[in-house]
Each structure stands twice: as C-alpha cells, then as structure tokens.
C-alpha cells in the first residue's frame, strides 16, 4: 500500500490518498481528520501511527506505507 499527501489551496484542505499495489485509489480523506475505521484497509489498531506519519509526510511524494 502507498500513501500520498496532497496540498490544499486557500479553503481546500490537505488530503491523504491511500493506494494499493496497482496504484488504485483505496481511500481519500482529509489530513486533519483521518479515517477512524481502518479495518477495511488492513490498518486496524494503527491509527495513532498513521496520524504521526501523516504529520511528517512531505507533500506530493508517493511513499510506501510501512506501519
């Protein structure tokens, strides 16, 4: 799975994209309001680690999601 942080402009907030191995968009959510139910993405119990990762993630750089 891959993660990408997209920079918002003016009134549009920053967003996070989660993509699978085939680069298909799996989840798209606001960076300041991460998805609470991560079980359908196989990330159950890793919400705190994901929030910490989102805080330090650079904008526009696709990275492998290793939690």
Protein backbone atom coordinates (compact mmCIF):
# COMPACT_ATOMS: atom_id res chain seq x y z
CA UNK A 1 0.00 0.00 0.00
CA UNK A 2 1.17 3.54 -0.75
CA UNK A 3 0.40 6.92 0.82
CA UNK A 4 0.41 10.39 -0.74
CA UNK A 5 -0.22 13.76 0.92
CA UNK A 6 -1.87 16.33 -1.36
CA UNK A 7 -1.52 20.05 -0.57
CA UNK A 8 -4.75 22.02 -0.49
CA UNK A 9 -5.10 25.64 -1.60
CA UNK A 10 -6.97 28.51 0.04
CA UNK A 11 -10.16 26.99 1.50
CA UNK A 12 -9.44 23.46 0.24
CA UNK A 13 -7.78 21.38 2.99
CA UNK A 14 -4.86 18.97 2.66
CA UNK A 15 -5.85 15.41 1.70
CA UNK A 16 -4.35 11.94 2.06
CA UNK A 17 -4.57 9.25 -0.60
CA UNK A 18 -4.08 5.55 0.14
CA UNK A 19 -3.34 3.44 -2.93
CA UNK A 20 -2.89 -0.30 -3.33
CA UNK A 21 -0.05 -2.10 -5.15
CA UNK A 22 -1.73 -1.41 -8.52
CA UNK A 23 -1.99 2.33 -7.72
CA UNK A 24 -5.78 2.09 -7.43
CA UNK A 25 -7.20 4.70 -5.05
CA UNK A 26 -8.36 2.87 -1.92
CA UNK A 27 -9.06 5.78 0.43
CA UNK A 28 -9.15 9.58 0.19
CA UNK A 29 -9.58 11.63 3.37
CA UNK A 30 -8.66 14.95 4.94
CA UNK A 31 -5.27 15.08 6.62
CA UNK A 32 -6.69 16.77 9.71
CA UNK A 33 -9.47 14.16 10.06
CA UNK A 34 -8.01 10.70 9.43
CA UNK A 35 -10.38 7.81 8.82
CA UNK A 36 -11.45 6.21 12.08
CA UNK A 37 -12.32 2.77 10.65
CA UNK A 38 -9.08 1.45 9.18
CA UNK A 39 -10.04 -2.24 9.42
CA UNK A 40 -11.15 -2.43 5.78
CA UNK A 41 -7.64 -1.28 4.75
CA UNK A 42 -5.82 -3.75 7.00
CA UNK A 43 -4.61 -0.99 9.31
CA UNK A 44 -6.71 -1.75 12.39
CA UNK A 45 -5.04 -0.60 15.60
CA UNK A 46 -2.51 1.56 13.75
CA UNK A 47 -4.45 4.82 13.75
CA UNK A 48 -2.01 6.62 16.08
CA UNK A 49 0.99 5.55 13.98
CA UNK A 50 -0.81 6.68 10.81
CA UNK A 51 -1.57 10.11 12.32
CA UNK A 52 2.09 10.52 13.30
CA UNK A 53 3.17 9.54 9.79
CA UNK A 54 0.74 11.99 8.19
CA UNK A 55 2.20 14.81 10.31
CA UNK A 56 5.72 14.30 8.97
CA UNK A 57 4.84 13.23 5.41
CA UNK A 58 6.05 15.63 2.68
CA UNK A 59 3.52 16.94 0.16
CA UNK A 60 3.38 15.33 -3.27
CA UNK A 61 5.76 12.45 -2.60
CA UNK A 62 4.39 8.93 -3.02
CA UNK A 63 5.75 6.62 -0.32
CA UNK A 64 5.28 3.00 0.61
CA UNK A 65 3.12 2.65 3.71
CA UNK A 66 5.10 0.60 6.23
CA UNK A 67 3.48 0.64 9.66
